[in-house]
């Protein structure tokens, strides 16, 4: 579990969204079971950055991108990939570390 801290596009408020984030060599990846059109995803994409709080650490992440398809899902751990395939979820949010 992790928290994505992001800035609202129109409200200007700060938000904290709970997610399940997986560590990669150069950043993090988050599956998007509810799609890429959620406000928090759109906020992160519009800002071009966010902060991830996980395990007592704050990590600044930049250049977010939504990836779609089997290559995107392949970046996730095997048990997660299996579950996402069964649910027909093919979108992930890629967050490189700054």
PDB file of N, CA and C in Angstrom:
ATOM      1  N   UNK A   1       0.841  -1.178   0.000  1.00  0.00           N
ATOM      2  CA  UNK A   1       0.000   0.000   0.000  1.00  0.00           C
ATOM      3  C   UNK A   1       0.888   1.244   0.000  1.00  0.00           C
ATOM      4  N   UNK A   2       0.342   2.277  -0.614  1.00  0.00           N
ATOM      5  CA  UNK A   2       1.052   3.551  -0.669  1.00  0.00           C
ATOM      6  C   UNK A   2       0.017   4.664  -0.786  1.00  0.00           C
ATOM      7  N   UNK A   3       0.481   5.889  -0.647  1.00  0.00           N
ATOM      8  CA  UNK A   3      -0.370   7.066  -0.790  1.00  0.00           C
ATOM      9  C   UNK A   3       0.238   7.943  -1.885  1.00  0.00           C
ATOM     10  N   UNK A   4      -0.586   8.333  -2.855  1.00  0.00           N
ATOM     11  CA  UNK A   4      -0.162   9.292  -3.867  1.00  0.00           C
ATOM     12  C   UNK A   4      -0.636  10.668  -3.412  1.00  0.00           C
ATOM     13  N   UNK A   5       0.297  11.581  -3.248  1.00  0.00           N
ATOM     14  CA  UNK A   5      -0.019  12.952  -2.873  1.00  0.00           C
ATOM     15  C   UNK A   5       0.026  13.778  -4.155  1.00  0.00           C
ATOM     16  N   UNK A   6      -1.100  14.413  -4.479  1.00  0.00           N
ATOM     17  CA  UNK A   6      -1.200  15.145  -5.747  1.00  0.00           C
ATOM     18  C   UNK A   6      -2.005  16.422  -5.561  1.00  0.00           C
ATOM     19  N   UNK A   7      -1.833  17.319  -6.514  1.00  0.00           N
ATOM     20  CA  UNK A   7      -2.440  18.649  -6.487  1.00  0.00           C
ATOM     21  C   UNK A   7      -3.625  18.667  -7.447  1.00  0.00           C
ATOM     22  N   UNK A   8      -4.778  19.163  -6.998  1.00  0.00           N
ATOM     23  CA  UNK A   8      -5.973  19.231  -7.827  1.00  0.00           C
ATOM     24  C   UNK A   8      -5.803  20.173  -9.011  1.00  0.00           C
ATOM     25  N   UNK A   9      -6.246  19.750 -10.177  1.00  0.00           N
ATOM     26  CA  UNK A   9      -6.122  20.550 -11.401  1.00  0.00           C
ATOM     27  C   UNK A   9      -6.916  21.845 -11.330  1.00  0.00           C
ATOM     28  N   UNK A  10      -8.129  21.765 -10.824  1.00  0.00           N
ATOM     29  CA  UNK A  10      -8.989  22.953 -10.814  1.00  0.00           C
ATOM     30  C   UNK A  10      -9.175  23.525  -9.412  1.00  0.00           C
ATOM     31  N   UNK A  11      -9.184  22.674  -8.407  1.00  0.00           N
ATOM     32  CA  UNK A  11      -9.421  23.163  -7.038  1.00  0.00           C
ATOM     33  C   UNK A  11      -8.176  23.766  -6.415  1.00  0.00           C
ATOM     34  N   UNK A  12      -7.002  23.293  -6.842  1.00  0.00           N
ATOM     35  CA  UNK A  12      -5.764  23.752  -6.235  1.00  0.00           C
ATOM     36  C   UNK A  12      -5.476  23.109  -4.885  1.00  0.00           C
ATOM     37  N   UNK A  13      -6.375  22.233  -4.450  1.00  0.00           N
ATOM     38  CA  UNK A  13      -6.203  21.547  -3.157  1.00  0.00           C
ATOM     39  C   UNK A  13      -5.221  20.389  -3.302  1.00  0.00           C
ATOM     40  N   UNK A  14      -4.660  19.986  -2.162  1.00  0.00           N
ATOM     41  CA  UNK A  14      -3.803  18.801  -2.122  1.00  0.00           C
ATOM     42  C   UNK A  14      -4.657  17.608  -1.735  1.00  0.00           C
ATOM     43  N   UNK A  15      -4.410  16.470  -2.380  1.00  0.00           N
ATOM     44  CA  UNK A  15      -5.153  15.244  -2.121  1.00  0.00           C
ATOM     45  C   UNK A  15      -4.199  14.099  -1.824  1.00  0.00           C
ATOM     46  N   UNK A  16      -4.714  13.120  -1.101  1.00  0.00           N
ATOM     47  CA  UNK A  16      -3.960  11.909  -0.761  1.00  0.00           C
ATOM     48  C   UNK A  16      -4.822  10.718  -1.171  1.00  0.00           C
ATOM     49  N   UNK A  17      -4.321   9.936  -2.124  1.00  0.00           N
ATOM     50  CA  UNK A  17      -5.086   8.814  -2.661  1.00  0.00           C
ATOM     51  C   UNK A  17      -4.369   7.505  -2.356  1.00  0.00           C
ATOM     52  N   UNK A  18      -5.041   6.562  -1.700  1.00  0.00           N
ATOM     53  CA  UNK A  18      -4.414   5.264  -1.431  1.00  0.00           C
ATOM     54  C   UNK A  18      -4.354   4.421  -2.712  1.00  0.00           C
ATOM     55  N   UNK A  19      -3.223   3.781  -2.930  1.00  0.00           N
ATOM     56  CA  UNK A  19      -3.006   2.933  -4.111  1.00  0.00           C
ATOM     57  C   UNK A  19      -2.160   1.725  -3.713  1.00  0.00           C
ATOM     58  N   UNK A  20      -2.050   0.805  -4.632  1.00  0.00           N
ATOM     59  CA  UNK A  20      -1.090  -0.292  -4.481  1.00  0.00           C
ATOM     60  C   UNK A  20      -0.003  -0.042  -5.519  1.00  0.00           C
ATOM     61  N   UNK A  21       1.176   0.311  -5.051  1.00  0.00           N
ATOM     62  CA  UNK A  21       2.291   0.665  -5.925  1.00  0.00           C
ATOM     63  C   UNK A  21       3.355  -0.425  -5.865  1.00  0.00           C
ATOM     64  N   UNK A  22       3.940  -0.697  -7.021  1.00  0.00           N
ATOM     65  CA  UNK A  22       4.993  -1.708  -7.118  1.00  0.00           C
ATOM     66  C   UNK A  22       6.284  -1.044  -7.568  1.00  0.00           C
ATOM     67  N   UNK A  23       7.366  -1.386  -6.878  1.00  0.00           N
ATOM     68  CA  UNK A  23       8.684  -0.808  -7.161  1.00  0.00           C
ATOM     69  C   UNK A  23       9.257  -1.408  -8.427  1.00  0.00           C
ATOM     70  N   UNK A  24       9.835  -0.555  -9.255  1.00  0.00           N
ATOM     71  CA  UNK A  24      10.607  -0.950 -10.426  1.00  0.00           C
ATOM     72  C   UNK A  24      12.031  -0.474 -10.219  1.00  0.00           C
ATOM     73  N   UNK A  25      12.931  -0.825 -11.121  1.00  0.00           N
ATOM     74  CA  UNK A  25      14.325  -0.377 -10.986  1.00  0.00           C
ATOM     75  C   UNK A  25      14.442   1.137 -10.982  1.00  0.00           C
ATOM     76  N   UNK A  26      13.599   1.806 -11.750  1.00  0.00           N
ATOM     77  CA  UNK A  26      13.736   3.256 -11.898  1.00  0.00           C
ATOM     78  C   UNK A  26      12.472   4.031 -11.535  1.00  0.00           C
ATOM     79  N   UNK A  27      11.642   3.468 -10.676  1.00  0.00           N
ATOM     80  CA  UNK A  27      10.434   4.165 -10.279  1.00  0.00           C
ATOM     81  C   UNK A  27       9.380   3.221  -9.743  1.00  0.00           C
ATOM     82  N   UNK A  28       8.118   3.523 -10.056  1.00  0.00           N
ATOM     83  CA  UNK A  28       6.989   2.738  -9.559  1.00  0.00           C
ATOM     84  C   UNK A  28       5.957   2.540 -10.654  1.00  0.00           C
ATOM     85  N   UNK A  29       5.122   1.558 -10.453  1.00  0.00           N
ATOM     86  CA  UNK A  29       4.013   1.306 -11.358  1.00  0.00           C
ATOM     87  C   UNK A  29       2.770   1.016 -10.516  1.00  0.00           C
ATOM     88  N   UNK A  30       1.644   1.534 -10.966  1.00  0.00           N
ATOM     89  CA  UNK A  30       0.378   1.382 -10.252  1.00  0.00           C
ATOM     90  C   UNK A  30      -0.661   0.881 -11.240  1.00  0.00           C
ATOM     91  N   UNK A  31      -1.335  -0.210 -10.928  1.00  0.00           N
ATOM     92  CA  UNK A  31      -2.409  -0.674 -11.810  1.00  0.00           C
ATOM     93  C   UNK A  31      -3.589   0.276 -11.674  1.00  0.00           C
ATOM     94  N   UNK A  32      -4.361   0.381 -12.743  1.00  0.00           N
ATOM     95  CA  UNK A  32      -5.504   1.292 -12.765  1.00  0.00           C
ATOM     96  C   UNK A  32      -6.791   0.503 -12.987  1.00  0.00           C
ATOM     97  N   UNK A  33      -7.255  -0.211 -11.956  1.00  0.00           N
ATOM     98  CA  UNK A  33      -8.445  -1.042 -12.126  1.00  0.00           C
ATOM     99  C   UNK A  33      -9.712  -0.246 -12.422  1.00  0.00           C
ATOM    100  N   UNK A  34      -9.732   1.021 -12.062  1.00  0.00           N
ATOM    101  CA  UNK A  34     -10.908   1.857 -12.330  1.00  0.00           C
ATOM    102  C   UNK A  34     -10.705   2.757 -13.540  1.00  0.00           C
ATOM    103  N   UNK A  35      -9.625   2.542 -14.279  1.00  0.00           N
ATOM    104  CA  UNK A  35      -9.362   3.305 -15.490  1.00  0.00           C
ATOM    105  C   UNK A  35      -8.477   4.513 -15.266  1.00  0.00           C
ATOM    106  N   UNK A  36      -8.063   5.092 -16.381  1.00  0.00           N
ATOM    107  CA  UNK A  36      -7.159   6.238 -16.351  1.00  0.00           C
ATOM    108  C   UNK A  36      -7.907   7.559 -16.277  1.00  0.00           C
ATOM    109  N   UNK A  37      -9.238   7.515 -16.256  1.00  0.00           N
ATOM    110  CA  UNK A  37     -10.011   8.756 -16.227  1.00  0.00           C
ATOM    111  C   UNK A  37     -10.424   9.173 -14.821  1.00  0.00           C
ATOM    112  N   UNK A  38      -9.850   8.546 -13.805  1.00  0.00           N
ATOM    113  CA  UNK A  38     -10.102   8.965 -12.418  1.00  0.00           C
ATOM    114  C   UNK A  38      -9.442  10.321 -12.189  1.00  0.00           C
ATOM    115  N   UNK A  39     -10.039  11.136 -11.336  1.00  0.00           N
ATOM    116  CA  UNK A  39      -9.498  12.471 -11.080  1.00  0.00           C
ATOM    117  C   UNK A  39      -8.052  12.436 -10.599  1.00  0.00           C
ATOM    118  N   UNK A  40      -7.723  11.511  -9.710  1.00  0.00           N
ATOM    119  CA  UNK A  40      -6.361  11.509  -9.176  1.00  0.00           C
ATOM    120  C   UNK A  40      -5.343  11.227 -10.279  1.00  0.00           C
ATOM    121  N   UNK A  41      -5.678  10.350 -11.230  1.00  0.00           N
ATOM    122  CA  UNK A  41      -4.757  10.048 -12.334  1.00  0.00           C
ATOM    123  C   UNK A  41      -4.619  11.287 -13.223  1.00  0.00           C
ATOM    124  N   UNK A  42      -5.727  11.915 -13.527  1.00  0.00           N
ATOM    125  CA  UNK A  42      -5.704  13.117 -14.360  1.00  0.00           C
ATOM    126  C   UNK A  42      -4.928  14.241 -13.673  1.00  0.00           C
ATOM    127  N   UNK A  43      -5.045  14.357 -12.351  1.00  0.00           N
ATOM    128  CA  UNK A  43      -4.276  15.359 -11.605  1.00  0.00           C
ATOM    129  C   UNK A  43      -2.776  15.115 -11.726  1.00  0.00           C
ATOM    130  N   UNK A  44      -2.370  13.870 -11.540  1.00  0.00           N
ATOM    131  CA  UNK A  44      -0.946  13.515 -11.610  1.00  0.00           C
ATOM    132  C   UNK A  44      -0.410  13.767 -13.013  1.00  0.00           C
ATOM    133  N   UNK A  45      -1.164  13.365 -14.041  1.00  0.00           N
ATOM    134  CA  UNK A  45      -0.725  13.574 -15.419  1.00  0.00           C
ATOM    135  C   UNK A  45      -0.623  15.067 -15.744  1.00  0.00           C
ATOM    136  N   UNK A  46      -1.608  15.848 -15.304  1.00  0.00           N
ATOM    137  CA  UNK A  46      -1.601  17.290 -15.581  1.00  0.00           C
ATOM    138  C   UNK A  46      -0.428  17.985 -14.892  1.00  0.00           C
ATOM    139  N   UNK A  47      -0.133  17.587 -13.658  1.00  0.00           N
ATOM    140  CA  UNK A  47       0.963  18.206 -12.905  1.00  0.00           C
ATOM    141  C   UNK A  47       2.326  17.740 -13.400  1.00  0.00           C
ATOM    142  N   UNK A  48       2.375  16.525 -13.952  1.00  0.00           N
ATOM    143  CA  UNK A  48       3.650  15.980 -14.403  1.00  0.00           C
ATOM    144  C   UNK A  48       4.496  15.420 -13.277  1.00  0.00           C
ATOM    145  N   UNK A  49       3.899  15.334 -12.077  1.00  0.00           N
ATOM    146  CA  UNK A  49       4.644  14.797 -10.933  1.00  0.00           C
ATOM    147  C   UNK A  49       3.678  14.503  -9.789  1.00  0.00           C
ATOM    148  N   UNK A  50       4.200  13.785  -8.794  1.00  0.00           N
ATOM    149  CA  UNK A  50       3.467  13.529  -7.554  1.00  0.00           C
ATOM    150  C   UNK A  50       4.469  13.030  -6.528  1.00  0.00           C
ATOM    151  N   UNK A  51       3.989  12.862  -5.315  1.00  0.00           N
ATOM    152  CA  UNK A  51       4.809  12.289  -4.248  1.00  0.00           C
ATOM    153  C   UNK A  51       4.166  10.976  -3.842  1.00  0.00           C
ATOM    154  N   UNK A  52       4.974   9.951  -3.696  1.00  0.00           N
ATOM    155  CA  UNK A  52       4.486   8.656  -3.238  1.00  0.00           C
ATOM    156  C   UNK A  52       4.997   8.442  -1.824  1.00  0.00           C
ATOM    157  N   UNK A  53       4.083   8.154  -0.914  1.00  0.00           N
ATOM    158  CA  UNK A  53       4.458   7.838   0.459  1.00  0.00           C
ATOM    159  C   UNK A  53       4.286   6.344   0.653  1.00  0.00           C
ATOM    160  N   UNK A  54       5.381   5.673   0.975  1.00  0.00           N
ATOM    161  CA  UNK A  54       5.333   4.220   1.156  1.00  0.00           C
ATOM    162  C   UNK A  54       6.405   3.811   2.153  1.00  0.00           C
ATOM    163  N   UNK A  55       5.999   3.030   3.132  1.00  0.00           N
ATOM    164  CA  UNK A  55       6.951   2.528   4.119  1.00  0.00           C
ATOM    165  C   UNK A  55       7.674   3.630   4.877  1.00  0.00           C
ATOM    166  N   UNK A  56       6.985   4.719   5.159  1.00  0.00           N
ATOM    167  CA  UNK A  56       7.597   5.815   5.894  1.00  0.00           C
ATOM    168  C   UNK A  56       8.493   6.714   5.067  1.00  0.00           C
ATOM    169  N   UNK A  57       8.566   6.476   3.759  1.00  0.00           N
ATOM    170  CA  UNK A  57       9.395   7.292   2.871  1.00  0.00           C
ATOM    171  C   UNK A  57       8.519   8.110   1.945  1.00  0.00           C
ATOM    172  N   UNK A  58       9.056   9.259   1.534  1.00  0.00           N
ATOM    173  CA  UNK A  58       8.401  10.114   0.539  1.00  0.00           C
ATOM    174  C   UNK A  58       9.291  10.134  -0.697  1.00  0.00           C
ATOM    175  N   UNK A  59       8.730   9.704  -1.826  1.00  0.00           N
ATOM    176  CA  UNK A  59       9.492   9.625  -3.064  1.00  0.00           C
ATOM    177  C   UNK A  59       8.858  10.559  -4.083  1.00  0.00           C
ATOM    178  N   UNK A  60       9.665  11.460  -4.631  1.00  0.00           N
ATOM    179  CA  UNK A  60       9.185  12.372  -5.668  1.00  0.00           C
ATOM    180  C   UNK A  60       9.256  11.649  -7.014  1.00  0.00           C
ATOM    181  N   UNK A  61       8.138  11.647  -7.725  1.00  0.00           N
ATOM    182  CA  UNK A  61       8.051  10.961  -9.008  1.00  0.00           C
ATOM    183  C   UNK A  61       7.649  11.953 -10.088  1.00  0.00           C
ATOM    184  N   UNK A  62       8.256  11.816 -11.259  1.00  0.00           N
ATOM    185  CA  UNK A  62       8.006  12.761 -12.346  1.00  0.00           C
ATOM    186  C   UNK A  62       7.710  12.012 -13.639  1.00  0.00           C
ATOM    187  N   UNK A  63       7.288  12.765 -14.640  1.00  0.00           N
ATOM    188  CA  UNK A  63       7.021  12.232 -15.979  1.00  0.00           C
ATOM    189  C   UNK A  63       6.076  11.036 -15.965  1.00  0.00           C
ATOM    190  N   UNK A  64       4.922  11.160 -15.349  1.00  0.00           N
ATOM    191  CA  UNK A  64       3.982  10.039 -15.319  1.00  0.00           C
ATOM    192  C   UNK A  64       3.423   9.753 -16.704  1.00  0.00           C
ATOM    193  N   UNK A  65       3.100   8.496 -16.949  1.00  0.00           N
ATOM    194  CA  UNK A  65       2.466   8.138 -18.210  1.00  0.00           C
ATOM    195  C   UNK A  65       1.570   6.932 -17.990  1.00  0.00           C
ATOM    196  N   UNK A  66       0.481   6.898 -18.747  1.00  0.00           N
ATOM    197  CA  UNK A  66      -0.420   5.756 -18.714  1.00  0.00           C
ATOM    198  C   UNK A  66       0.018   4.811 -19.822  1.00  0.00           C
ATOM    199  N   UNK A  67       0.254   3.570 -19.456  1.00  0.00           N
ATOM    200  CA  UNK A  67       0.624   2.542 -20.417  1.00  0.00           C
ATOM    201  C   UNK A  67      -0.542   1.574 -20.556  1.00  0.00           C
ATOM    202  N   UNK A  68      -0.738   1.076 -21.773  1.00  0.00           N
ATOM    203  CA  UNK A  68      -1.876   0.202 -22.056  1.00  0.00           C
ATOM    204  C   UNK A  68      -1.388  -1.063 -22.742  1.00  0.00           C
ATOM    205  N   UNK A  69      -1.986  -2.189 -22.380  1.00  0.00           N
ATOM    206  CA  UNK A  69      -1.727  -3.441 -23.072  1.00  0.00           C
ATOM    207  C   UNK A  69      -0.924  -4.434 -22.273  1.00  0.00           C
ATOM    208  N   UNK A  70      -0.635  -5.544 -22.922  1.00  0.00           N
ATOM    209  CA  UNK A  70       0.031  -6.644 -22.236  1.00  0.00           C
ATOM    210  C   UNK A  70       1.450  -6.289 -21.808  1.00  0.00           C
ATOM    211  N   UNK A  71       2.158  -5.459 -22.577  1.00  0.00           N
ATOM    212  CA  UNK A  71       3.514  -5.064 -22.165  1.00  0.00           C
ATOM    213  C   UNK A  71       3.478  -4.214 -20.901  1.00  0.00           C
ATOM    214  N   UNK A  72       2.453  -3.405 -20.757  1.00  0.00           N
ATOM    215  CA  UNK A  72       2.303  -2.575 -19.556  1.00  0.00           C
ATOM    216  C   UNK A  72       2.031  -3.452 -18.340  1.00  0.00           C
ATOM    217  N   UNK A  73       1.087  -4.366 -18.476  1.00  0.00           N
ATOM    218  CA  UNK A  73       0.709  -5.247 -17.369  1.00  0.00           C
ATOM    219  C   UNK A  73       1.862  -6.188 -17.024  1.00  0.00           C
ATOM    220  N   UNK A  74       2.696  -6.518 -18.009  1.00  0.00           N
ATOM    221  CA  UNK A  74       3.835  -7.418 -17.776  1.00  0.00           C
ATOM    222  C   UNK A  74       4.842  -6.838 -16.789  1.00  0.00           C
ATOM    223  N   UNK A  75       4.784  -5.546 -16.540  1.00  0.00           N
ATOM    224  CA  UNK A  75       5.705  -4.909 -15.599  1.00  0.00           C
ATOM    225  C   UNK A  75       5.312  -5.187 -14.145  1.00  0.00           C
ATOM    226  N   UNK A  76       4.111  -5.692 -13.927  1.00  0.00           N
ATOM    227  CA  UNK A  76       3.603  -5.975 -12.576  1.00  0.00           C
ATOM    228  C   UNK A  76       4.008  -7.377 -12.132  1.00  0.00           C
ATOM    229  N   UNK A  77       3.995  -7.661 -10.833  1.00  0.00           N
ATOM    230  CA  UNK A  77       4.302  -9.006 -10.332  1.00  0.00           C
ATOM    231  C   UNK A  77       3.313 -10.040 -10.890  1.00  0.00           C
ATOM    232  N   UNK A  78       3.769 -11.264 -11.064  1.00  0.00           N
ATOM    233  CA  UNK A  78       2.978 -12.333 -11.683  1.00  0.00           C
ATOM    234  C   UNK A  78       1.577 -12.518 -11.081  1.00  0.00           C
ATOM    235  N   UNK A  79       1.425 -12.621  -9.761  1.00  0.00           N
ATOM    236  CA  UNK A  79       0.071 -12.820  -9.229  1.00  0.00           C
ATOM    237  C   UNK A  79      -0.878 -11.663  -9.566  1.00  0.00           C
ATOM    238  N   UNK A  80      -0.339 -10.458  -9.609  1.00  0.00           N
ATOM    239  CA  UNK A  80      -1.149  -9.287  -9.939  1.00  0.00           C
ATOM    240  C   UNK A  80      -1.539  -9.338 -11.415  1.00  0.00           C
ATOM    241  N   UNK A  81      -0.594  -9.707 -12.283  1.00  0.00           N
ATOM    242  CA  UNK A  81      -0.885  -9.823 -13.718  1.00  0.00           C
ATOM    243  C   UNK A  81      -2.026 -10.783 -13.963  1.00  0.00           C
ATOM    244  N   UNK A  82      -1.998 -11.914 -13.294  1.00  0.00           N
ATOM    245  CA  UNK A  82      -3.044 -12.923 -13.472  1.00  0.00           C
ATOM    246  C   UNK A  82      -4.406 -12.367 -13.096  1.00  0.00           C
ATOM    247  N   UNK A  83      -4.474 -11.706 -11.960  1.00  0.00           N
ATOM    248  CA  UNK A  83      -5.749 -11.131 -11.509  1.00  0.00           C
ATOM    249  C   UNK A  83      -6.232 -10.060 -12.472  1.00  0.00           C
ATOM    250  N   UNK A  84      -5.339  -9.208 -12.940  1.00  0.00           N
ATOM    251  CA  UNK A  84      -5.737  -8.137 -13.847  1.00  0.00           C
ATOM    252  C   UNK A  84      -6.215  -8.681 -15.193  1.00  0.00           C
ATOM    253  N   UNK A  85      -5.577  -9.736 -15.672  1.00  0.00           N
ATOM    254  CA  UNK A  85      -6.034 -10.348 -16.930  1.00  0.00           C
ATOM    255  C   UNK A  85      -7.444 -10.897 -16.788  1.00  0.00           C
ATOM    256  N   UNK A  86      -7.728 -11.541 -15.663  1.00  0.00           N
ATOM    257  CA  UNK A  86      -9.074 -12.079 -15.434  1.00  0.00           C
ATOM    258  C   UNK A  86     -10.116 -10.970 -15.393  1.00  0.00           C
ATOM    259  N   UNK A  87      -9.721  -9.791 -14.931  1.00  0.00           N
ATOM    260  CA  UNK A  87     -10.633  -8.650 -14.830  1.00  0.00           C
ATOM    261  C   UNK A  87     -10.583  -7.743 -16.065  1.00  0.00           C
ATOM    262  N   UNK A  88      -9.769  -8.126 -17.052  1.00  0.00           N
ATOM    263  CA  UNK A  88      -9.610  -7.363 -18.299  1.00  0.00           C
ATOM    264  C   UNK A  88      -9.101  -5.943 -18.056  1.00  0.00           C
ATOM    265  N   UNK A  89      -8.183  -5.811 -17.116  1.00  0.00           N
ATOM    266  CA  UNK A  89      -7.569  -4.521 -16.797  1.00  0.00           C
ATOM    267  C   UNK A  89      -6.222  -4.455 -17.504  1.00  0.00           C
ATOM    268  N   UNK A  90      -6.050  -3.451 -18.357  1.00  0.00           N
ATOM    269  CA  UNK A  90      -4.833  -3.365 -19.168  1.00  0.00           C
ATOM    270  C   UNK A  90      -4.101  -2.039 -19.034  1.00  0.00           C
ATOM    271  N   UNK A  91      -4.497  -1.194 -18.105  1.00  0.00           N
ATOM    272  CA  UNK A  91      -3.868   0.124 -17.957  1.00  0.00           C
ATOM    273  C   UNK A  91      -3.093   0.207 -16.638  1.00  0.00           C
ATOM    274  N   UNK A  92      -1.930   0.837 -16.724  1.00  0.00           N
ATOM    275  CA  UNK A  92      -1.110   1.083 -15.541  1.00  0.00           C
ATOM    276  C   UNK A  92      -0.565   2.506 -15.615  1.00  0.00           C
ATOM    277  N   UNK A  93      -0.225   3.050 -14.460  1.00  0.00           N
ATOM    278  CA  UNK A  93       0.401   4.359 -14.389  1.00  0.00           C
ATOM    279  C   UNK A  93       1.868   4.138 -14.077  1.00  0.00           C
ATOM    280  N   UNK A  94       2.728   4.587 -14.970  1.00  0.00           N
ATOM    281  CA  UNK A  94       4.177   4.461 -14.808  1.00  0.00           C
ATOM    282  C   UNK A  94       4.704   5.765 -14.232  1.00  0.00           C
ATOM    283  N   UNK A  95       5.454   5.677 -13.124  1.00  0.00           N
ATOM    284  CA  UNK A  95       5.980   6.858 -12.436  1.00  0.00           C
ATOM    285  C   UNK A  95       7.489   6.728 -12.236  1.00  0.00           C
ATOM    286  N   UNK A  96       8.269   7.268 -13.144  1.00  0.00           N
ATOM    287  CA  UNK A  96       9.736   7.231 -12.961  1.00  0.00           C
ATOM    288  C   UNK A  96      10.163   8.092 -11.773  1.00  0.00           C
ATOM    289  N   UNK A  97      11.199   7.675 -11.074  1.00  0.00           N
ATOM    290  CA  UNK A  97      11.739   8.454  -9.961  1.00  0.00           C
ATOM    291  C   UNK A  97      12.513   9.646 -10.518  1.00  0.00           C
ATOM    292  N   UNK A  98      12.444  10.762  -9.817  1.00  0.00           N
ATOM    293  CA  UNK A  98      13.153  11.962 -10.293  1.00  0.00           C
ATOM    294  C   UNK A  98      14.615  11.936  -9.916  1.00  0.00           C
TER     295      UNK A  98
END
